[in-house]
Amino acid sequence: VSFNAKRMCDSGPYMWVAPRGHYEFMHMDPDDNFLIILEGCKRVRMCEPSPVSRRYPNPLGSKGKTIQSRVDLDAKSGRQKFPEFEFDRMIDVKVKAGEMLFIPAFFWHQVTSLENTLSVNIFFGDCGRANYITKILK
């Protein structure tokens, strides 16, 4: 395995300070990443890549390389409002202080802080916005 520092762009680490109950909308990132919990606990629900239309992308979009979904996994009306979303195929895991979770590129995930949490993300991706298109078409 060779390490090429030129390929590492926007890799972080990014530190997150989140109060209990805070969540990040269901989204996918085009880069592999590690979520590392320094203090507290987070719930991560994720599912494998699938056609974007079945993840109900937010028409307002989001800044950066991520794509957000309109699906809120905690909303009671989710199954009726988003019938093609595969709620039953979600991987559901709690990540606690001292633990790390690998989130593969293009896996959709929603992250919720179960208590006040300090965490770090480290992404492993390619430089440049144009590479996103190349990567997604592979």
Protein backbone atom coordinates (compact mmCIF):
# COMPACT_ATOMS: atom_id res chain seq x y z
CA VAL A 1 0.00 0.00 0.00
CA SER A 2 1.47 3.33 -0.98
CA PHE A 3 0.46 6.65 0.49
CA ASN A 4 0.13 9.54 -1.96
CA ALA A 5 -0.30 12.83 -0.10
CA LYS A 6 -1.23 14.60 -3.34
CA ARG A 7 -4.45 12.56 -3.49
CA MET A 8 -5.57 13.71 -0.04
CA CYS A 9 -7.73 16.82 -0.32
CA ASP A 10 -10.25 18.19 2.15
CA SER A 11 -9.34 15.22 4.31
CA GLY A 12 -9.53 16.93 7.67
CA PRO A 13 -9.48 16.03 10.38
CA TYR A 14 -12.73 17.86 11.09
CA MET A 15 -13.76 18.23 14.72
CA TRP A 16 -17.45 18.19 15.65
CA VAL A 17 -18.89 19.43 18.93
CA ALA A 18 -22.53 18.38 19.13
CA PRO A 19 -25.13 18.61 21.90
CA ARG A 20 -27.36 15.67 22.74
CA GLY A 21 -30.08 15.27 20.08
CA HIS A 22 -28.19 17.03 17.28
CA TYR A 23 -28.29 15.18 13.98
CA GLU A 24 -26.88 15.52 10.52
CA PHE A 25 -29.41 14.97 7.75
CA MET A 26 -29.22 11.70 5.84
CA HIS A 27 -26.50 12.31 3.28
CA MET A 28 -23.71 10.66 1.33
CA ASP A 29 -20.13 11.69 0.83
CA PRO A 30 -18.07 10.78 -2.26
CA ASP A 31 -15.07 9.90 -0.09
CA ASP A 32 -14.37 7.14 2.43
CA ASN A 33 -14.16 8.42 5.98
CA PHE A 34 -13.54 7.47 9.56
CA LEU A 35 -15.77 8.78 12.36
CA ILE A 36 -13.82 8.82 15.62
CA ILE A 37 -15.62 9.50 18.92
CA LEU A 38 -13.43 11.27 21.48
CA GLU A 39 -16.15 11.85 24.09
CA GLY A 40 -19.83 10.91 24.17
CA CYS A 41 -21.80 8.63 21.86
CA LYS A 42 -23.37 8.84 18.40
CA ARG A 43 -25.91 6.71 16.59
CA VAL A 44 -25.10 6.11 12.93
CA ARG A 45 -27.67 4.69 10.56
CA MET A 46 -26.45 3.96 7.07
CA CYS A 47 -27.35 2.07 3.94
CA GLU A 48 -25.47 0.99 0.89
CA PRO A 49 -25.39 3.06 -2.29
CA SER A 50 -28.49 2.96 -4.45
CA PRO A 51 -30.04 5.15 -7.14
CA VAL A 52 -30.05 8.70 -5.79
CA SER A 53 -33.75 9.12 -6.63
CA ARG A 54 -34.65 6.44 -4.05
CA ARG A 55 -32.86 8.49 -1.38
CA TYR A 56 -35.03 11.54 -2.13
CA PRO A 57 -32.31 14.18 -2.62
CA ASN A 58 -32.98 17.62 -1.22
CA PRO A 59 -33.80 19.90 -4.20
CA LEU A 60 -32.07 22.78 -2.41
CA GLY A 61 -28.85 20.80 -2.50
CA SER A 62 -25.99 21.38 -0.12
CA LYS A 63 -22.67 23.10 -0.30
CA GLY A 64 -19.62 20.99 -1.00
CA LYS A 65 -19.41 17.47 -2.37
CA THR A 66 -22.10 15.83 -0.23
CA ILE A 67 -25.68 15.16 -1.32
CA GLN A 68 -28.39 15.49 1.34
CA SER A 69 -31.64 13.58 1.49
CA ARG A 70 -35.07 14.88 2.52
CA VAL A 71 -35.53 11.73 4.61
CA ASP A 72 -35.38 12.18 8.38
CA LEU A 73 -35.05 8.71 9.87
CA ASP A 74 -36.62 9.90 13.13
CA ALA A 75 -39.79 11.32 11.55
CA LYS A 76 -42.93 9.24 12.17
CA SER A 77 -44.34 9.93 8.69
CA GLY A 78 -41.23 8.75 6.86
CA ARG A 79 -42.56 5.48 5.45
CA GLN A 80 -45.65 7.12 3.97
CA LYS A 81 -43.85 10.21 2.72
CA PHE A 82 -40.89 8.34 1.18
CA PRO A 83 -42.23 4.93 0.02
CA GLU A 84 -39.17 3.92 -2.05
CA PHE A 85 -36.72 4.48 0.80
CA GLU A 86 -35.52 1.16 2.22
CA PHE A 87 -35.98 1.82 5.94
CA ASP A 88 -35.66 -1.89 6.77
CA ARG A 89 -32.22 -2.19 5.13
CA MET A 90 -30.49 0.33 7.41
CA ILE A 91 -27.38 -0.59 9.38
CA ASP A 92 -27.82 0.84 12.89
CA VAL A 93 -24.79 1.22 15.15
CA LYS A 94 -23.77 3.18 18.25
CA VAL A 95 -20.24 4.54 18.30
CA LYS A 96 -18.88 5.34 21.77
CA ALA A 97 -15.88 7.23 23.14
CA GLY A 98 -12.67 5.57 22.01
CA GLU A 99 -14.33 3.84 19.05
CA MET A 100 -14.04 4.47 15.33
CA LEU A 101 -16.42 3.69 12.47
CA PHE A 102 -15.49 3.40 8.80
CA ILE A 103 -18.13 4.92 6.49
CA PRO A 104 -17.53 3.90 2.86
CA ALA A 105 -17.86 6.42 0.05
CA PHE A 106 -21.40 6.82 -1.30
CA PHE A 107 -23.02 5.06 1.70
CA TRP A 108 -25.99 7.16 2.86
CA HIS A 109 -25.91 7.92 6.58
CA GLN A 110 -27.62 9.95 9.29
CA VAL A 111 -25.63 10.68 12.45
CA THR A 112 -27.32 11.58 15.76
CA SER A 113 -25.60 12.58 19.01
CA LEU A 114 -27.06 10.50 21.84
CA GLU A 115 -25.29 12.70 24.38
CA ASN A 116 -23.00 15.73 24.25
CA THR A 117 -20.31 14.48 21.89
CA LEU A 118 -16.88 15.46 20.65
CA SER A 119 -15.89 13.65 17.46
CA VAL A 120 -13.52 13.81 14.50
CA ASN A 121 -13.99 12.87 10.81
CA ILE A 122 -11.09 12.05 8.54
CA PHE A 123 -11.88 11.73 4.83
CA PHE A 124 -9.84 9.91 2.20
CA GLY A 125 -10.62 11.31 -1.21
CA ASP A 126 -9.44 12.69 -4.48
CA CYS A 127 -8.50 16.30 -5.17
CA GLY A 128 -10.77 18.55 -7.18
CA ARG A 129 -14.49 18.80 -7.69
CA ALA A 130 -14.29 17.32 -11.20
CA ASN A 131 -13.05 14.02 -9.75
CA TYR A 132 -16.42 13.61 -8.02
CA ILE A 133 -18.13 13.07 -11.37
CA THR A 134 -15.43 10.63 -12.52
CA LYS A 135 -15.66 8.67 -9.27
CA ILE A 136 -19.47 8.41 -9.24
CA LEU A 137 -19.50 7.14 -12.85
CA LYS A 138 -17.06 4.29 -12.11
